[in-house]
Amino acid sequence: MQDAVPTFTYLIEPLAPNQLGRRWRWQVHHGEHLVAAGWHYGKRQAIGALRAAASRATHELAGLTALHPERATTEGRFVAGTTVELHCGALRCVLVPRPEQQAASAAA
């Protein structure tokens, strides 16, 4: 079991459309360190990748290997720009939007 709940910050934003279509960029940070980043064609897939990356990072902090990071869940719906608690099996972490995410969510 885990003593302290790690906190990660995240960013998810649309990229400018191009010939490939609309894409969504995501990032996960632990403090000022970039843990993982990527992009997907759909916002839902980007959020899923973000959750899996946070699950992997949570397990690594505990000295474990995540067997099924894609199964990490939140209690409610994951809405970009909100703080959520992510349940990764027996472990959990908190995802907090980065200041850039909060500004983008407030403008939308």
N, C-alpha and C. Protein backbone atom coordinates (compact mmCIF):
# COMPACT_ATOMS: atom_id res chain seq x y z
N MET A 1 0.84 -1.18 0.00
CA MET A 1 0.00 0.00 0.00
C MET A 1 0.88 1.23 0.00
N GLN A 2 0.35 2.31 -0.41
CA GLN A 2 1.08 3.54 -0.62
C GLN A 2 0.78 4.51 0.51
N ASP A 3 1.82 5.20 1.03
CA ASP A 3 1.63 6.14 2.13
C ASP A 3 1.15 7.50 1.62
N ALA A 4 1.98 8.19 0.85
CA ALA A 4 1.63 9.51 0.33
C ALA A 4 1.08 9.36 -1.09
N VAL A 5 0.05 10.12 -1.39
CA VAL A 5 -0.56 10.06 -2.71
C VAL A 5 0.20 11.03 -3.63
N PRO A 6 0.83 10.52 -4.68
CA PRO A 6 1.57 11.41 -5.58
C PRO A 6 0.62 12.31 -6.36
N THR A 7 1.10 13.51 -6.66
CA THR A 7 0.32 14.47 -7.43
C THR A 7 1.05 14.74 -8.73
N PHE A 8 0.33 14.63 -9.82
CA PHE A 8 0.86 14.92 -11.15
C PHE A 8 0.05 16.06 -11.73
N THR A 9 0.70 16.88 -12.54
CA THR A 9 -0.03 17.91 -13.27
C THR A 9 -0.15 17.45 -14.72
N TYR A 10 -1.19 17.90 -15.39
CA TYR A 10 -1.42 17.46 -16.76
C TYR A 10 -1.85 18.62 -17.64
N LEU A 11 -1.71 18.40 -18.94
CA LEU A 11 -2.15 19.34 -19.96
C LEU A 11 -2.74 18.53 -21.09
N ILE A 12 -3.90 18.92 -21.56
CA ILE A 12 -4.50 18.31 -22.74
C ILE A 12 -5.10 19.44 -23.55
N GLU A 13 -4.68 19.54 -24.82
CA GLU A 13 -5.13 20.65 -25.65
C GLU A 13 -5.20 20.24 -27.10
N PRO A 14 -6.07 20.90 -27.87
CA PRO A 14 -6.14 20.59 -29.30
C PRO A 14 -4.97 21.22 -30.04
N LEU A 15 -4.48 20.52 -31.03
CA LEU A 15 -3.46 21.05 -31.92
C LEU A 15 -4.17 21.66 -33.13
N ALA A 16 -3.50 22.53 -33.83
CA ALA A 16 -4.09 23.14 -35.02
C ALA A 16 -4.41 22.06 -36.05
N PRO A 17 -5.57 22.16 -36.69
CA PRO A 17 -5.92 21.15 -37.70
C PRO A 17 -4.95 21.20 -38.88
N ASN A 18 -4.71 20.06 -39.45
CA ASN A 18 -3.89 19.97 -40.66
C ASN A 18 -4.46 18.88 -41.54
N GLN A 19 -3.71 18.42 -42.53
CA GLN A 19 -4.23 17.41 -43.45
C GLN A 19 -4.56 16.09 -42.76
N LEU A 20 -4.01 15.86 -41.56
CA LEU A 20 -4.32 14.64 -40.81
C LEU A 20 -5.62 14.77 -40.03
N GLY A 21 -6.10 16.00 -39.86
CA GLY A 21 -7.32 16.23 -39.09
C GLY A 21 -7.01 16.84 -37.74
N ARG A 22 -7.97 16.81 -36.86
CA ARG A 22 -7.82 17.36 -35.51
C ARG A 22 -7.03 16.39 -34.65
N ARG A 23 -6.06 16.91 -33.90
CA ARG A 23 -5.28 16.08 -32.99
C ARG A 23 -5.27 16.72 -31.61
N TRP A 24 -5.07 15.90 -30.59
CA TRP A 24 -5.03 16.37 -29.20
C TRP A 24 -3.69 16.02 -28.59
N ARG A 25 -3.02 17.01 -28.01
CA ARG A 25 -1.74 16.80 -27.35
C ARG A 25 -1.98 16.67 -25.85
N TRP A 26 -1.25 15.73 -25.22
CA TRP A 26 -1.35 15.55 -23.77
C TRP A 26 0.05 15.48 -23.17
N GLN A 27 0.15 15.89 -21.90
CA GLN A 27 1.41 15.84 -21.15
C GLN A 27 1.10 15.52 -19.70
N VAL A 28 1.99 14.79 -19.07
CA VAL A 28 1.92 14.51 -17.63
C VAL A 28 3.24 14.96 -17.02
N HIS A 29 3.17 15.76 -15.95
CA HIS A 29 4.36 16.26 -15.26
C HIS A 29 4.33 15.83 -13.80
N HIS A 30 5.49 15.57 -13.25
CA HIS A 30 5.64 15.34 -11.81
C HIS A 30 6.57 16.44 -11.32
N GLY A 31 6.02 17.43 -10.65
CA GLY A 31 6.79 18.63 -10.34
C GLY A 31 7.05 19.36 -11.64
N GLU A 32 8.30 19.68 -11.90
CA GLU A 32 8.66 20.34 -13.16
C GLU A 32 9.20 19.36 -14.20
N HIS A 33 9.18 18.06 -13.87
CA HIS A 33 9.71 17.05 -14.78
C HIS A 33 8.60 16.47 -15.65
N LEU A 34 8.84 16.44 -16.95
CA LEU A 34 7.91 15.84 -17.88
C LEU A 34 8.01 14.32 -17.76
N VAL A 35 6.91 13.68 -17.41
CA VAL A 35 6.87 12.23 -17.24
C VAL A 35 6.56 11.53 -18.56
N ALA A 36 5.55 12.05 -19.27
CA ALA A 36 5.14 11.46 -20.54
C ALA A 36 4.38 12.49 -21.35
N ALA A 37 4.37 12.30 -22.66
CA ALA A 37 3.65 13.20 -23.55
C ALA A 37 3.32 12.45 -24.84
N GLY A 38 2.36 12.95 -25.57
CA GLY A 38 2.00 12.35 -26.84
C GLY A 38 0.82 13.06 -27.45
N TRP A 39 0.28 12.48 -28.52
CA TRP A 39 -0.91 13.04 -29.14
C TRP A 39 -1.76 11.92 -29.71
N HIS A 40 -3.04 12.22 -29.87
CA HIS A 40 -4.00 11.27 -30.45
C HIS A 40 -4.97 12.03 -31.32
N TYR A 41 -5.68 11.31 -32.18
CA TYR A 41 -6.67 11.93 -33.05
C TYR A 41 -7.94 12.32 -32.31
N GLY A 42 -8.25 11.66 -31.22
CA GLY A 42 -9.46 11.95 -30.48
C GLY A 42 -9.16 12.38 -29.05
N LYS A 43 -10.01 13.25 -28.51
CA LYS A 43 -9.82 13.71 -27.14
C LYS A 43 -9.95 12.56 -26.15
N ARG A 44 -10.90 11.67 -26.39
CA ARG A 44 -11.11 10.52 -25.50
C ARG A 44 -9.88 9.63 -25.44
N GLN A 45 -9.24 9.38 -26.59
CA GLN A 45 -8.04 8.55 -26.62
C GLN A 45 -6.88 9.27 -25.93
N ALA A 46 -6.79 10.58 -26.08
CA ALA A 46 -5.74 11.35 -25.42
C ALA A 46 -5.90 11.28 -23.90
N ILE A 47 -7.13 11.38 -23.41
CA ILE A 47 -7.37 11.28 -21.97
C ILE A 47 -7.02 9.88 -21.48
N GLY A 48 -7.36 8.86 -22.25
CA GLY A 48 -7.00 7.48 -21.88
C GLY A 48 -5.49 7.29 -21.80
N ALA A 49 -4.76 7.85 -22.76
CA ALA A 49 -3.30 7.74 -22.75
C ALA A 49 -2.72 8.49 -21.56
N LEU A 50 -3.30 9.63 -21.24
CA LEU A 50 -2.85 10.42 -20.08
C LEU A 50 -3.04 9.62 -18.79
N ARG A 51 -4.21 8.98 -18.64
CA ARG A 51 -4.48 8.16 -17.45
C ARG A 51 -3.49 7.01 -17.35
N ALA A 52 -3.22 6.33 -18.47
CA ALA A 52 -2.29 5.20 -18.47
C ALA A 52 -0.87 5.66 -18.10
N ALA A 53 -0.45 6.81 -18.61
CA ALA A 53 0.89 7.33 -18.30
C ALA A 53 1.00 7.68 -16.82
N ALA A 54 -0.05 8.28 -16.26
CA ALA A 54 -0.04 8.61 -14.83
C ALA A 54 -0.02 7.34 -13.98
N SER A 55 -0.72 6.31 -14.42
CA SER A 55 -0.72 5.03 -13.70
C SER A 55 0.68 4.41 -13.71
N ARG A 56 1.33 4.41 -14.88
CA ARG A 56 2.70 3.89 -14.96
C ARG A 56 3.64 4.65 -14.03
N ALA A 57 3.54 5.98 -14.03
CA ALA A 57 4.41 6.81 -13.19
C ALA A 57 4.14 6.56 -11.71
N THR A 58 2.88 6.38 -11.33
CA THR A 58 2.53 6.09 -9.94
C THR A 58 3.14 4.77 -9.50
N HIS A 59 3.04 3.76 -10.34
CA HIS A 59 3.63 2.46 -10.03
C HIS A 59 5.15 2.55 -9.93
N GLU A 60 5.77 3.30 -10.84
CA GLU A 60 7.23 3.44 -10.79
C GLU A 60 7.68 4.12 -9.50
N LEU A 61 6.93 5.13 -9.03
CA LEU A 61 7.27 5.79 -7.77
C LEU A 61 7.20 4.82 -6.59
N ALA A 62 6.32 3.82 -6.69
CA ALA A 62 6.17 2.82 -5.64
C ALA A 62 7.15 1.65 -5.83
N GLY A 63 7.95 1.71 -6.91
CA GLY A 63 8.91 0.63 -7.17
C GLY A 63 8.27 -0.59 -7.81
N LEU A 64 7.16 -0.40 -8.50
CA LEU A 64 6.43 -1.50 -9.12
C LEU A 64 6.31 -1.29 -10.62
N THR A 65 5.90 -2.33 -11.31
CA THR A 65 5.61 -2.24 -12.74
C THR A 65 4.10 -2.35 -12.92
N ALA A 66 3.51 -1.41 -13.64
CA ALA A 66 2.07 -1.44 -13.90
C ALA A 66 1.77 -2.53 -14.92
N LEU A 67 0.94 -3.49 -14.55
CA LEU A 67 0.60 -4.57 -15.48
C LEU A 67 -0.46 -4.15 -16.49
N HIS A 68 -1.45 -3.38 -16.05
CA HIS A 68 -2.52 -2.92 -16.93
C HIS A 68 -2.81 -1.45 -16.67
N PRO A 69 -1.90 -0.55 -17.08
CA PRO A 69 -2.10 0.87 -16.80
C PRO A 69 -3.33 1.45 -17.48
N GLU A 70 -3.77 0.84 -18.56
CA GLU A 70 -4.96 1.34 -19.27
C GLU A 70 -6.25 1.12 -18.48
N ARG A 71 -6.19 0.36 -17.40
CA ARG A 71 -7.38 0.10 -16.57
C ARG A 71 -7.55 1.12 -15.45
N ALA A 72 -6.68 2.12 -15.36
CA ALA A 72 -6.79 3.15 -14.32
C ALA A 72 -8.11 3.91 -14.51
N THR A 73 -8.80 4.17 -13.41
CA THR A 73 -10.11 4.80 -13.48
C THR A 73 -10.21 6.01 -12.55
N THR A 74 -11.21 6.83 -12.82
CA THR A 74 -11.56 7.93 -11.93
C THR A 74 -12.96 7.66 -11.41
N GLU A 75 -13.33 8.32 -10.31
CA GLU A 75 -14.67 8.07 -9.75
C GLU A 75 -15.77 8.61 -10.64
N GLY A 76 -15.55 9.76 -11.18
CA GLY A 76 -16.54 10.35 -12.08
C GLY A 76 -15.97 10.44 -13.48
N ARG A 77 -16.54 11.32 -14.25
CA ARG A 77 -16.06 11.55 -15.60
C ARG A 77 -14.82 12.43 -15.56
N PHE A 78 -13.82 12.11 -16.35
CA PHE A 78 -12.59 12.90 -16.43
C PHE A 78 -12.86 14.04 -17.42
N VAL A 79 -12.99 15.25 -16.90
CA VAL A 79 -13.18 16.43 -17.73
C VAL A 79 -11.89 17.23 -17.70
N ALA A 80 -11.33 17.51 -18.87
CA ALA A 80 -10.08 18.28 -18.94
C ALA A 80 -10.25 19.61 -18.22
N GLY A 81 -9.26 19.95 -17.40
CA GLY A 81 -9.30 21.19 -16.65
C GLY A 81 -9.77 21.04 -15.22
N THR A 82 -10.08 19.81 -14.81
CA THR A 82 -10.52 19.56 -13.43
C THR A 82 -9.50 18.68 -12.71
N THR A 83 -9.51 18.75 -11.39
CA THR A 83 -8.65 17.89 -10.57
C THR A 83 -9.39 16.57 -10.34
N VAL A 84 -8.71 15.46 -10.58
CA VAL A 84 -9.32 14.14 -10.41
C VAL A 84 -8.38 13.22 -9.65
N GLU A 85 -8.97 12.25 -8.96
CA GLU A 85 -8.20 11.20 -8.30
C GLU A 85 -8.24 9.97 -9.19
N LEU A 86 -7.07 9.44 -9.49
CA LEU A 86 -6.95 8.30 -10.38
C LEU A 86 -6.67 7.06 -9.55
N HIS A 87 -7.47 6.01 -9.74
CA HIS A 87 -7.30 4.74 -9.03
C HIS A 87 -6.58 3.77 -9.96
N CYS A 88 -5.41 3.34 -9.53
CA CYS A 88 -4.55 2.45 -10.32
C CYS A 88 -4.39 1.14 -9.57
N GLY A 89 -5.44 0.36 -9.49
CA GLY A 89 -5.39 -0.86 -8.70
C GLY A 89 -5.33 -0.50 -7.23
N ALA A 90 -4.31 -0.98 -6.51
CA ALA A 90 -4.16 -0.69 -5.08
C ALA A 90 -3.56 0.70 -4.85
N LEU A 91 -3.04 1.32 -5.90
CA LEU A 91 -2.42 2.64 -5.78
C LEU A 91 -3.38 3.70 -6.30
N ARG A 92 -3.07 4.94 -5.94
CA ARG A 92 -3.84 6.05 -6.47
C ARG A 92 -2.96 7.27 -6.57
N CYS A 93 -3.40 8.23 -7.39
CA CYS A 93 -2.68 9.49 -7.55
C CYS A 93 -3.70 10.59 -7.83
N VAL A 94 -3.24 11.81 -7.78
CA VAL A 94 -4.10 12.95 -8.06
C VAL A 94 -3.57 13.64 -9.31
N LEU A 95 -4.48 13.94 -10.24
CA LEU A 95 -4.12 14.68 -11.45
C LEU A 95 -4.69 16.08 -11.34
N VAL A 96 -3.80 17.07 -11.41
CA VAL A 96 -4.17 18.48 -11.28
C VAL A 96 -3.83 19.18 -12.59
N PRO A 97 -4.75 19.98 -13.12
CA PRO A 97 -4.42 20.67 -14.38
C PRO A 97 -3.29 21.68 -14.19
N ARG A 98 -2.43 21.79 -15.20
CA ARG A 98 -1.37 22.79 -15.18
C ARG A 98 -2.00 24.17 -15.37
N PRO A 99 -1.31 25.23 -14.98
CA PRO A 99 -1.87 26.58 -15.13
C PRO A 99 -2.30 26.88 -16.57
N GLU A 100 -1.56 26.38 -17.57
CA GLU A 100 -1.95 26.59 -18.97
C GLU A 100 -3.29 25.92 -19.26
N GLN A 101 -3.53 24.75 -18.64
CA GLN A 101 -4.78 24.03 -18.84
C GLN A 101 -5.93 24.79 -18.22
N GLN A 102 -5.72 25.33 -17.04
CA GLN A 102 -6.77 26.08 -16.36
C GLN A 102 -7.14 27.32 -17.15
N ALA A 103 -6.15 28.00 -17.73
CA ALA A 103 -6.42 29.20 -18.53
C ALA A 103 -7.20 28.84 -19.78
N ALA A 104 -6.83 27.72 -20.43
CA ALA A 104 -7.53 27.27 -21.65
C ALA A 104 -8.96 26.85 -21.34
N SER A 105 -9.17 26.19 -20.21
CA SER A 105 -10.51 25.75 -19.82
C SER A 105 -11.40 26.94 -19.47
N ALA A 106 -10.82 27.97 -18.85
CA ALA A 106 -11.59 29.16 -18.50
C ALA A 106 -11.99 29.95 -19.75
N ALA A 107 -11.14 29.92 -20.78
CA ALA A 107 -11.43 30.64 -22.03
C ALA A 107 -12.47 29.93 -22.87
N ALA A 108 -12.60 28.62 -22.70
CA ALA A 108 -13.53 27.84 -23.53
C ALA A 108 -14.97 27.99 -23.08
